[in-house]
Amino acid sequence: MKYKIKKANKYSCPPLPLLSLGKKTFTWKVTFDESCIYQLGNQTDIQKLCGIGWLPGHHINSARFGWRWIPEKNQVELLAYCYDKGVRLSSAAAEHSIRFVDLNKEYLLRLVISDIDYYFTVTDGKIMGDRVVPKTYKTPWLGFYLRPYFEADGAIGTPHDMTFTIQ
């Protein structure tokens, strides 16, 4: 399914399915196209692609794949982006980077949730990159899907329309 964030907006359309009931493994097939290329004053901000959150809110407990355009590599960098009891565990530092990926190529993103951590993988037929992020809270049974979101360098939304294919 194509997800679009229109110029100057933050949220994508259409929304992902809303609820997850007791699920521990999530997979998405993702393709970035040329519309995901952007130049802002601060390229280190992490954009949000897809993931899962739990009540009372995703800024309390959540795990998702983040991304950003890296002009020097002409690639998208995928990162782990998590909150644990209200503390953001992700940063622009290398310890949260999962893999650099090319435009117009499909990748399989997988998130596995255990009692003690999140396990993120990126594959294109073989594991290309992975990242483990420890967590301290017990994962609730009821979760909700998180869709693409863009907010960078204090900008109010995207600098132009952006399109992602997420299945």
Foldseek 3Di string as FASTA:
>chain_A
DKWKAAALAWDIPDDDDWKAFQDFKDKKKKAFAPLQDDDDPDQLDWWFAKWKADPPDQLQWIWGWTWTQDVVVQWIWIFIWTHARNRTPDGSDPLGTWDTDHHPAIWMWMWGHDQFWIKIFIGNPDTPGIHIDTYDDGDDRMMTMDHTTDDPPNRSTDNGMTMMDMD
